[in-house]
Protein backbone atom coordinates (compact mmCIF):
# COMPACT_ATOMS: atom_id res chain seq x y z
CA MET A 1 -81.54 -75.61 31.34
CA THR A 2 -82.66 -78.93 29.06
CA VAL A 3 -79.55 -79.53 26.84
CA VAL A 4 -78.45 -82.68 24.17
CA VAL A 5 -75.06 -83.47 24.11
CA ALA A 6 -74.27 -84.30 20.66
CA LEU A 7 -71.27 -86.21 19.64
CA ASP A 8 -69.21 -85.07 16.61
CA GLN A 9 -67.06 -88.57 15.44
CA GLY A 10 -64.62 -87.70 12.49
CA THR A 11 -62.07 -88.67 10.84
CA THR A 12 -59.30 -86.40 12.58
CA ASN A 13 -61.38 -84.98 15.17
CA THR A 14 -63.59 -85.99 17.78
CA LYS A 15 -66.20 -83.34 19.20
CA ALA A 16 -69.07 -82.78 21.83
CA LEU A 17 -71.59 -79.99 22.10
CA ALA A 18 -74.32 -79.13 24.43
CA ILE A 19 -77.18 -77.75 22.89
CA ASP A 20 -80.12 -76.09 24.37
CA VAL A 21 -83.92 -76.26 22.95
CA SER A 22 -82.93 -72.77 21.30
CA GLY A 23 -80.12 -74.03 19.23
CA ARG A 24 -77.36 -72.55 21.42
CA VAL A 25 -74.28 -74.18 22.21
CA VAL A 26 -73.80 -73.97 25.69
CA ALA A 27 -70.82 -76.04 26.04
CA LYS A 28 -68.31 -77.97 23.92
CA ALA A 29 -65.35 -80.22 24.01
CA SER A 30 -62.48 -81.78 21.77
CA ALA A 31 -60.02 -84.01 21.03
CA PRO A 32 -57.38 -84.92 18.14
CA VAL A 33 -57.86 -88.40 16.67
CA GLY A 34 -54.60 -89.96 14.84
CA ILE A 35 -54.64 -91.50 11.31
CA THR A 36 -52.17 -93.84 9.72
CA THR A 37 -51.07 -94.70 6.41
CA PRO A 38 -48.98 -97.89 6.65
CA ALA A 39 -48.89 -98.99 3.21
CA ALA A 40 -50.04 -97.52 -0.30
CA GLY A 41 -53.68 -97.56 -0.20
CA SER A 42 -54.55 -97.97 3.32
CA VAL A 43 -55.47 -95.65 5.74
CA GLU A 44 -56.41 -96.82 9.50
CA GLN A 45 -57.14 -95.46 13.00
CA ASP A 46 -57.23 -97.16 16.16
CA ALA A 47 -60.75 -97.96 17.33
CA GLU A 48 -59.86 -97.84 21.29
CA GLU A 49 -58.26 -94.12 20.68
CA ILE A 50 -61.73 -92.95 18.92
CA TRP A 51 -63.43 -94.82 22.03
CA THR A 52 -61.66 -93.07 24.82
CA ARG A 53 -61.46 -89.75 23.19
CA SER A 54 -65.43 -89.95 22.64
CA VAL A 55 -65.84 -90.56 26.52
CA ASP A 56 -63.16 -87.76 27.19
CA VAL A 57 -65.03 -84.87 25.05
CA LEU A 58 -68.57 -86.10 26.54
CA ALA A 59 -67.44 -85.96 30.58
CA ARG A 60 -65.95 -82.78 29.29
CA CYS A 61 -69.26 -81.07 27.83
CA ILE A 62 -71.51 -82.81 30.30
CA ASP A 63 -69.76 -81.72 33.16
CA GLU A 64 -69.49 -78.03 31.79
CA ALA A 65 -73.37 -77.80 30.69
CA GLY A 66 -73.92 -79.78 34.22
CA ALA A 67 -75.27 -83.74 34.49
CA SER A 68 -78.28 -82.33 35.90
CA SER A 69 -79.77 -80.41 32.57
CA VAL A 70 -78.67 -83.46 29.85
CA VAL A 71 -81.36 -85.38 28.94
CA GLY A 72 -79.70 -87.53 26.56
CA LEU A 73 -77.21 -87.79 23.99
CA ALA A 74 -76.84 -87.40 20.30
CA ILE A 75 -74.25 -89.25 17.71
CA ALA A 76 -72.81 -87.73 14.34
CA ASN A 77 -70.09 -90.08 13.00
CA GLN A 78 -67.50 -90.79 10.45
CA ARG A 79 -69.20 -93.01 7.59
CA GLU A 80 -68.43 -96.27 6.05
CA SER A 81 -65.17 -96.56 8.25
CA VAL A 82 -65.45 -100.45 9.73
CA VAL A 83 -64.22 -102.04 13.17
CA ALA A 84 -64.15 -105.40 13.92
CA TRP A 85 -64.20 -106.56 17.56
CA ASP A 86 -64.54 -109.54 19.65
CA ARG A 87 -68.20 -110.21 20.89
CA SER A 88 -66.99 -111.89 24.10
CA THR A 89 -64.36 -109.65 24.85
CA GLY A 90 -65.33 -105.82 23.58
CA ALA A 91 -61.58 -106.04 22.26
CA PRO A 92 -60.78 -104.83 18.80
CA THR A 93 -59.21 -107.43 16.20
CA GLY A 94 -57.45 -104.96 13.95
CA PRO A 95 -57.15 -101.41 13.37
CA VAL A 96 -60.19 -99.22 11.84
CA LEU A 97 -60.09 -99.30 7.95
CA SER A 98 -60.94 -96.11 7.35
CA TRP A 99 -63.26 -94.25 4.72
CA GLN A 100 -60.47 -93.55 2.75
CA ASP A 101 -58.99 -96.94 2.67
CA SER A 102 -58.92 -98.43 -0.57
CA ARG A 103 -56.57 -101.76 0.24
CA THR A 104 -59.80 -103.73 -1.86
CA ALA A 105 -59.48 -102.22 -4.41
CA GLU A 106 -58.36 -104.67 -7.07
CA TRP A 107 -60.85 -106.92 -5.27
CA CYS A 108 -63.44 -104.59 -5.81
CA ALA A 109 -62.58 -104.44 -10.12
CA THR A 110 -63.06 -108.26 -10.10
CA LEU A 111 -66.44 -108.35 -8.91
CA GLY A 112 -66.97 -105.57 -11.13
CA ASP A 113 -68.69 -107.50 -14.23
CA ALA A 114 -71.88 -105.08 -15.65
CA GLN A 115 -74.52 -107.57 -13.76
CA THR A 116 -72.74 -107.33 -10.27
CA VAL A 117 -72.39 -103.41 -10.22
CA GLY A 118 -76.34 -102.98 -11.46
CA LEU A 119 -77.35 -105.34 -9.19
CA VAL A 120 -75.27 -103.27 -6.45
CA GLN A 121 -76.17 -100.11 -7.73
CA GLY A 122 -79.48 -100.73 -8.08
CA ARG A 123 -80.30 -102.11 -4.50
CA THR A 124 -78.18 -99.91 -2.50
CA GLY A 125 -77.82 -96.84 -4.87
CA LEU A 126 -74.00 -97.08 -4.21
CA PRO A 127 -71.17 -97.70 -7.04
CA LEU A 128 -69.58 -100.48 -6.37
CA ASP A 129 -66.52 -99.06 -5.00
CA PRO A 130 -63.97 -99.73 -2.02
CA MET A 131 -64.84 -96.77 -0.32
CA PHE A 132 -67.81 -98.22 1.24
CA SER A 133 -67.92 -100.57 4.03
CA ALA A 134 -68.88 -103.84 2.65
CA PRO A 135 -65.37 -104.84 1.12
CA LYS A 136 -63.77 -103.53 4.35
CA MET A 137 -66.19 -105.63 6.33
CA ALA A 138 -65.07 -108.97 4.38
CA TRP A 139 -61.63 -107.98 4.38
CA VAL A 140 -61.32 -107.84 8.58
CA LEU A 141 -63.58 -110.79 8.47
CA ARG A 142 -61.26 -113.08 6.43
CA ASP A 143 -60.10 -115.83 8.58
CA ALA A 144 -61.97 -114.28 11.56
CA ASP A 145 -63.04 -116.20 14.61
CA PRO A 146 -66.67 -116.63 15.07
CA SER A 147 -66.91 -114.14 17.92
CA THR A 148 -65.86 -111.68 15.58
CA VAL A 149 -68.44 -109.16 14.86
CA VAL A 150 -68.76 -105.59 12.90
CA GLY A 151 -69.91 -102.33 12.54
CA THR A 152 -69.37 -98.96 11.51
CA VAL A 153 -68.08 -96.55 13.81
CA ASP A 154 -71.80 -95.67 15.80
CA SER A 155 -71.67 -99.19 16.29
CA TRP A 156 -68.77 -99.28 17.95
CA LEU A 157 -69.75 -96.26 20.06
CA LEU A 158 -73.13 -97.74 20.83
CA TRP A 159 -71.34 -101.10 21.86
CA ASN A 160 -69.26 -98.81 24.45
CA LEU A 161 -72.02 -96.84 25.53
CA THR A 162 -74.50 -99.36 26.40
CA GLY A 163 -71.66 -101.66 28.07
CA SER A 164 -71.63 -104.28 25.08
CA THR A 165 -75.67 -104.60 24.87
CA GLU A 166 -75.99 -102.75 21.89
CA HIS A 167 -74.68 -104.27 18.39
CA VAL A 168 -76.64 -102.06 16.05
CA ILE A 169 -76.19 -99.53 13.30
CA GLU A 170 -78.29 -96.52 12.14
CA ALA A 171 -80.15 -96.93 9.21
CA GLY A 172 -78.33 -94.39 7.36
CA ASN A 173 -75.10 -95.56 8.02
CA ALA A 174 -75.96 -99.07 7.19
CA SER A 175 -77.41 -97.35 3.57
CA ARG A 176 -73.44 -96.49 3.20
CA THR A 177 -72.31 -100.12 3.60
CA LEU A 178 -73.33 -101.77 0.00
CA LEU A 179 -75.62 -104.03 1.88
CA TYR A 180 -78.61 -102.11 2.97
CA ARG A 181 -81.33 -102.27 0.61
CA LEU A 182 -82.86 -98.68 -0.05
CA ASP A 183 -86.40 -99.73 -0.67
CA LYS A 184 -86.93 -101.94 1.94
CA LEU A 185 -85.11 -101.04 4.49
CA CYS A 186 -83.06 -103.60 5.29
CA TRP A 187 -79.83 -106.20 4.57
CA ASP A 188 -79.88 -107.89 1.68
CA ASP A 189 -79.15 -111.50 1.61
CA ASP A 190 -78.10 -111.28 -1.86
CA LEU A 191 -74.99 -108.60 -1.69
CA LEU A 192 -74.00 -110.26 1.74
CA ALA A 193 -73.44 -113.49 -0.14
CA LEU A 194 -71.97 -111.40 -2.64
CA PHE A 195 -69.26 -109.91 -0.35
CA GLY A 196 -69.10 -112.87 1.92
CA ILE A 197 -70.64 -111.62 5.09
CA ARG A 198 -72.14 -113.77 7.54
CA PRO A 199 -75.40 -112.11 8.89
CA SER A 200 -74.65 -113.01 12.17
CA ALA A 201 -71.57 -110.68 12.32
CA LEU A 202 -73.40 -107.34 10.90
CA PRO A 203 -75.51 -104.68 13.44
CA GLU A 204 -79.30 -104.69 13.49
CA PRO A 205 -80.19 -101.84 11.54
CA ARG A 206 -82.38 -99.01 13.39
CA ARG A 207 -84.44 -95.61 12.99
CA SER A 208 -82.47 -92.75 13.38
CA HIS A 209 -84.30 -92.00 16.67
CA GLY A 210 -83.24 -95.45 17.88
CA PRO A 211 -83.81 -97.13 20.49
CA PHE A 212 -79.90 -97.06 21.01
CA GLY A 213 -80.33 -98.08 24.84
CA ARG A 214 -78.58 -95.90 27.81
CA THR A 215 -75.05 -95.28 28.90
CA ALA A 216 -73.71 -98.11 30.99
CA CYS A 217 -69.79 -97.29 30.65
CA GLU A 218 -67.12 -96.12 32.55
CA GLY A 219 -66.77 -92.35 32.62
CA LEU A 220 -70.13 -91.10 32.11
CA PRO A 221 -73.34 -90.89 34.03
CA ARG A 222 -75.26 -93.70 33.90
CA GLY A 223 -78.73 -94.13 32.55
CA LEU A 224 -78.53 -91.62 29.95
CA PRO A 225 -80.55 -92.46 26.68
CA VAL A 226 -78.93 -92.28 23.20
CA LEU A 227 -82.07 -90.30 21.35
CA ALA A 228 -80.55 -90.21 17.69
CA VAL A 229 -77.85 -91.27 15.53
CA LEU A 230 -76.95 -89.95 12.41
CA ALA A 231 -73.80 -89.91 9.66
CA ASP A 232 -71.72 -86.97 9.90
CA SER A 233 -72.50 -85.78 6.30
CA HIS A 234 -76.42 -86.70 6.85
CA ALA A 235 -76.55 -84.65 10.32
CA ALA A 236 -75.26 -81.98 8.66
CA LEU A 237 -77.75 -81.87 6.18
CA ARG A 238 -80.58 -82.22 8.77
CA GLY A 239 -78.62 -79.12 10.28
CA HIS A 240 -79.34 -76.93 7.36
CA GLY A 241 -82.77 -77.86 7.72
CA GLY A 242 -82.64 -79.89 4.71
CA GLY A 243 -83.91 -83.23 3.57
CA THR A 244 -86.91 -81.69 1.44
CA PRO A 245 -86.65 -81.45 -2.20
CA GLY A 246 -84.30 -78.22 -3.21
CA ILE A 247 -81.50 -77.62 -0.76
CA VAL A 248 -78.01 -78.51 -1.71
CA LYS A 249 -75.13 -78.88 0.90
CA ALA A 250 -71.58 -78.89 1.06
CA THR A 251 -69.71 -80.40 3.74
CA TYR A 252 -65.72 -79.52 3.94
CA GLY A 253 -63.73 -81.51 6.15
CA THR A 254 -61.23 -84.00 5.74
CA GLY A 255 -63.21 -84.63 2.61
CA SER A 256 -66.27 -83.41 1.13
CA SER A 257 -69.82 -84.35 1.02
CA VAL A 258 -72.53 -82.74 -1.36
CA MET A 259 -75.84 -83.72 -0.74
CA ARG A 260 -79.54 -82.69 -2.07
CA GLY A 261 -82.37 -83.88 -0.17
CA THR A 262 -85.22 -85.49 -2.24
CA GLY A 263 -87.50 -86.27 0.16
CA SER A 264 -89.60 -89.96 0.19
CA ASP A 265 -88.20 -90.10 -3.75
CA LEU A 266 -85.36 -92.07 -4.77
CA GLU A 267 -84.33 -90.32 -7.20
CA HIS A 268 -81.08 -91.28 -9.87
CA ARG A 269 -78.24 -89.35 -11.29
CA GLN A 270 -75.53 -90.52 -13.38
CA GLY A 271 -71.87 -90.91 -11.06
CA ILE A 272 -74.05 -89.63 -7.77
CA ALA A 273 -74.79 -91.87 -5.25
CA THR A 274 -78.66 -92.38 -3.53
CA THR A 275 -78.44 -92.85 -0.23
CA LEU A 276 -80.69 -92.93 3.29
CA ALA A 277 -80.14 -89.43 4.76
CA TRP A 278 -82.37 -90.81 7.79
CA LEU A 279 -85.27 -92.71 8.79
CA ASP A 280 -87.94 -91.32 11.13
CA GLU A 281 -91.35 -92.58 10.72
CA SER A 282 -90.62 -92.82 7.33
CA PRO A 283 -87.79 -92.50 5.27
CA THR A 284 -85.84 -89.24 3.49
CA TYR A 285 -83.89 -89.91 0.99
CA ALA A 286 -80.62 -87.75 -0.84
CA LEU A 287 -78.20 -87.66 -3.92
CA GLU A 288 -75.01 -87.56 -2.70
CA GLY A 289 -71.44 -87.18 -4.15
CA ASN A 290 -68.31 -87.89 -2.23
CA ILE A 291 -65.06 -86.16 -2.61
CA ARG A 292 -62.08 -88.21 -0.93
CA TYR A 293 -59.39 -85.33 -0.61
CA SER A 294 -60.66 -81.78 0.23
CA GLY A 295 -59.46 -80.36 3.63
CA SER A 296 -56.79 -82.99 3.94
CA ALA A 297 -55.65 -82.16 -0.07
CA LEU A 298 -55.14 -78.64 2.06
CA GLU A 299 -53.06 -80.02 4.65
CA TRP A 300 -51.33 -82.37 2.16
CA THR A 301 -50.34 -79.21 -0.04
CA ALA A 302 -49.17 -77.11 3.06
CA ARG A 303 -47.08 -79.78 4.27
CA MET A 304 -45.13 -80.17 0.63
CA LEU A 305 -44.46 -76.23 0.64
CA GLY A 306 -43.14 -76.83 4.18
CA LEU A 307 -45.76 -74.81 5.83
CA PRO A 308 -47.77 -75.56 9.14
CA GLY A 309 -51.21 -75.74 7.85
CA ALA A 310 -53.88 -74.60 5.81
CA VAL A 311 -54.23 -71.11 7.15
CA ALA A 312 -50.60 -70.57 6.10
CA LEU A 313 -51.33 -72.16 2.92
CA GLY A 314 -54.35 -69.60 2.20
CA GLU A 315 -52.12 -66.73 2.77
CA LEU A 316 -49.53 -67.85 0.34
CA ALA A 317 -52.43 -68.66 -2.21
CA ALA A 318 -53.53 -65.08 -1.46
CA GLN A 319 -50.39 -63.05 -2.76
CA VAL A 320 -51.86 -64.41 -6.42
CA PRO A 321 -54.77 -63.57 -8.26
CA HIS A 322 -54.87 -67.06 -9.50
CA ALA A 323 -52.94 -69.99 -10.52
CA GLY A 324 -51.69 -69.09 -13.92
CA ASP A 325 -51.89 -72.84 -15.59
CA VAL A 326 -50.88 -74.79 -12.43
CA ALA A 327 -53.54 -77.46 -11.87
CA PHE A 328 -53.60 -79.89 -9.37
CA VAL A 329 -56.19 -83.07 -9.15
CA PRO A 330 -55.72 -84.55 -5.34
CA ALA A 331 -57.00 -88.57 -6.58
CA PHE A 332 -54.22 -89.94 -3.46
CA GLY A 333 -57.02 -93.05 -3.27
CA GLY A 334 -58.62 -92.46 -6.74
CA LEU A 335 -61.24 -90.16 -7.29
CA GLY A 336 -64.85 -90.01 -5.70
CA ALA A 337 -67.81 -88.79 -7.60
CA PRO A 338 -68.69 -88.30 -10.25
CA HIS A 339 -66.28 -90.13 -11.44
CA TRP A 340 -65.67 -93.18 -9.25
CA ASP A 341 -62.26 -94.07 -10.31
CA PRO A 342 -59.91 -95.80 -7.91
CA SER A 343 -56.95 -95.98 -10.48
CA ALA A 344 -56.84 -92.12 -10.87
CA VAL A 345 -53.38 -90.83 -9.08
CA GLY A 346 -52.35 -87.42 -7.62
CA THR A 347 -51.24 -85.13 -10.17
CA ILE A 348 -49.62 -81.62 -10.16
CA THR A 349 -49.65 -80.16 -14.12
CA GLY A 350 -49.20 -76.67 -15.78
CA LEU A 351 -45.85 -76.13 -14.25
CA GLY A 352 -43.87 -73.37 -15.82
CA ALA A 353 -40.60 -71.44 -15.16
CA ARG A 354 -42.73 -68.98 -13.99
CA SER A 355 -44.50 -70.58 -11.25
CA THR A 356 -44.39 -70.29 -7.93
CA PRO A 357 -45.04 -71.54 -4.52
CA ALA A 358 -48.15 -69.35 -4.59
CA HIS A 359 -49.41 -70.52 -7.49
CA VAL A 360 -49.50 -74.44 -6.16
CA ALA A 361 -51.19 -73.11 -3.40
CA ARG A 362 -53.94 -71.67 -5.19
CA ALA A 363 -54.43 -74.48 -7.26
CA ALA A 364 -54.97 -76.72 -3.70
CA PHE A 365 -57.92 -74.48 -3.12
CA ASP A 366 -58.49 -74.16 -6.94
CA ALA A 367 -59.31 -78.10 -6.66
CA VAL A 368 -61.46 -78.22 -3.15
CA ALA A 369 -63.68 -75.79 -5.21
CA HIS A 370 -63.31 -77.68 -8.65
CA GLN A 371 -64.38 -81.06 -7.22
CA VAL A 372 -67.45 -79.68 -5.19
CA ALA A 373 -68.47 -78.14 -8.45
CA ASP A 374 -68.41 -81.42 -10.84
CA VAL A 375 -70.63 -83.04 -8.30
CA VAL A 376 -72.90 -79.90 -7.73
CA GLN A 377 -73.59 -79.63 -11.63
CA ALA A 378 -73.83 -83.47 -11.96
CA MET A 379 -76.82 -83.07 -9.20
CA VAL A 380 -78.22 -79.87 -10.64
CA ALA A 381 -78.02 -78.98 -14.22
CA ASP A 382 -78.21 -75.14 -13.78
CA THR A 383 -76.35 -73.80 -10.74
CA SER A 384 -76.63 -70.29 -11.60
CA HIS A 385 -80.26 -69.35 -9.90
CA GLY A 386 -79.58 -71.90 -6.94
CA ARG A 387 -77.09 -71.44 -3.81
CA LEU A 388 -75.18 -73.82 -2.00
CA ARG A 389 -75.40 -73.81 1.57
CA ALA A 390 -71.92 -74.62 3.34
CA ASP A 391 -70.22 -75.90 6.58
CA GLY A 392 -67.14 -77.61 8.05
CA GLY A 393 -63.85 -76.36 8.97
CA ALA A 394 -62.87 -75.14 5.59
CA THR A 395 -65.62 -72.62 5.42
CA ALA A 396 -63.49 -70.43 7.32
CA SER A 397 -61.65 -69.79 4.39
CA ARG A 398 -62.58 -66.64 2.63
CA LEU A 399 -60.69 -67.50 -0.32
CA LEU A 400 -62.29 -70.85 -0.59
CA MET A 401 -65.68 -69.75 -0.50
CA GLN A 402 -65.23 -67.13 -2.49
CA THR A 403 -63.56 -69.59 -4.81
CA GLN A 404 -66.26 -71.58 -4.72
CA ALA A 405 -68.77 -69.13 -5.78
CA ASP A 406 -66.76 -68.12 -8.56
CA VAL A 407 -66.55 -71.78 -10.02
CA LEU A 408 -70.04 -72.75 -9.22
CA GLY A 409 -71.70 -69.21 -10.32
CA CYS A 410 -74.00 -69.07 -7.58
CA GLN A 411 -74.43 -67.54 -4.05
CA VAL A 412 -72.50 -69.46 -1.54
CA ASP A 413 -74.30 -69.53 2.33
CA VAL A 414 -71.61 -70.47 4.80
CA ALA A 415 -73.21 -71.54 8.37
CA ALA A 416 -72.77 -69.66 11.50
CA THR A 417 -71.52 -72.91 13.33
CA GLU A 418 -68.60 -75.02 11.62
CA ASP A 419 -70.18 -77.96 13.91
CA MET A 420 -73.12 -78.45 11.76
CA ALA A 421 -72.83 -82.38 12.11
CA ALA A 422 -73.40 -82.37 15.86
CA TYR A 423 -75.93 -79.13 15.64
CA GLY A 424 -78.04 -81.55 12.93
CA ALA A 425 -77.19 -84.92 15.42
CA ALA A 426 -78.92 -82.49 18.18
CA ARG A 427 -81.77 -81.83 16.01
CA ALA A 428 -82.84 -85.03 15.58
CA ALA A 429 -82.43 -85.85 18.89
CA PHE A 430 -84.61 -83.14 20.01
CA SER A 431 -87.10 -84.10 17.41
CA SER A 432 -87.48 -87.54 18.63
CA GLN A 433 -88.91 -85.88 22.32
CA GLY A 434 -91.29 -83.45 20.70
CA VAL A 435 -89.20 -80.47 20.55
CA GLU A 436 -87.74 -78.94 17.10
CA ILE A 437 -85.31 -76.65 17.63
CA PRO A 438 -84.51 -74.56 14.14
CA PRO A 439 -82.29 -74.88 11.57
CA ALA A 440 -78.49 -73.32 11.67
CA PRO A 441 -78.37 -69.61 10.37
CA ALA A 442 -76.21 -68.52 7.50
CA GLY A 443 -73.37 -67.05 9.16
CA GLY A 444 -72.02 -65.50 5.78
CA LEU A 445 -72.26 -65.42 2.03
CA TYR A 446 -69.94 -65.46 -0.80
CA VAL A 447 -71.62 -64.31 -4.89
CA PRO A 448 -69.88 -64.85 -7.84
CA ARG A 449 -67.19 -62.10 -8.92
CA LYS A 450 -66.56 -63.71 -12.36
CA ASP A 451 -68.16 -63.81 -15.62
CA SER A 452 -69.52 -66.81 -17.39
CA SER A 453 -66.92 -66.86 -19.70
CA ASP A 454 -63.96 -67.01 -16.99
CA ARG A 455 -65.83 -69.52 -15.60
CA ASP A 456 -66.18 -71.89 -18.27
CA ARG A 457 -62.38 -71.45 -19.23
CA ALA A 458 -61.73 -72.68 -15.49
CA ARG A 459 -63.43 -75.71 -15.61
CA THR A 460 -62.44 -76.41 -19.04
CA ALA A 461 -58.86 -76.31 -17.61
CA TRP A 462 -59.66 -78.57 -14.68
CA ALA A 463 -61.37 -81.06 -17.01
CA ARG A 464 -58.57 -81.45 -18.45
CA ALA A 465 -56.09 -81.86 -15.57
CA VAL A 466 -58.79 -84.45 -14.29
CA ALA A 467 -58.58 -86.31 -17.58
CA ARG A 468 -54.70 -86.46 -17.29
CA ALA A 469 -55.13 -87.72 -13.85
CA ARG A 470 -56.99 -90.67 -14.96
CA TYR A 471 -54.99 -91.66 -17.81
């Protein structure tokens, strides 16, 4: 048996899956990862915890699969989050600034004249927004020693996996920093100057199949090659078989990523980012919309209602046929695509004397579905004849998936595995070795049950709620 062990380092969980050449998962391990919010707009993680949890799940998965069967590793990682460490000691110089962290919002606004916004978006495909890496990199490098280097989570993992020999970043992850030029596939000197980032602090961009080096760390077999690295949402697209124009996927995690592959074409849409999905021998691009709070919005609502989690929230929401007039906009750190409004605030509106906790719970599921619909409809003019591929932990909720189909007015195909990022990374790793494993199959499908007039009313009410959140 030949397997690739794929690490999926996410915002709140780290998983490892051993996947064979037929696409079958033969071993799996997981561990939670902590996240803190020490101040308004600040979202942090512990770099050492991310590393130790990653080693733990990799070691357990390799042991279960059998070390002799493992041909190499693959990595899918949370994007945009920033780690800084001392090059000489390898020790982190502070906390990981999460992709959800918005402490640099005011500073980004001071850079945001029309000419600068146009420069940034024209070269990187991204809006000038604190979600992306460059503002966080500038923050952690302020007054830093010359020995301090920075990277995204893939950079941090690769540095440690290879025994501090590789300070590199995968190209798709680099494209999420606001520093990487999409047409030339390299760091952009003008953007480095704009954000005040010294080139010597940055990792070297590499293709998605590397080379990324071999394992030389404690806790893992030595000499295993890292065969492929992909950003998590990009890996999920690859797991669905995306990349070619037409496939639209939504990943439902802590936040949500909606992506549509565009192949070799650099397409642009208002309110939607253009990104590098992966870089093999040639680039594959995609359109993407990022939603900051989706699964985490469900967890937040559950805590507010005194429930143990999203499953219990779904049971409560199912007690009512709809949310009534209640609308929840989870703009806790502003709104992402397609609005890109960091000043938006979280709101619950439409409460009345007859409103119940069940209506609020239902509104939380509506909020996730409407946010995804906002992005899909900004990408695709007519959704009624298409379909959405869905993956991620929240797809286990039948209520959410049916609501998504109703809100979009199209079929929703749910992947048979919720671990699509790891699966997509494994596909890339096998491909680098000349072996093609099939895209992940669908495990269920949902078709719209509401007519267009009901859908239009619901979408109009949601638009009014979003407008209130952006007052």
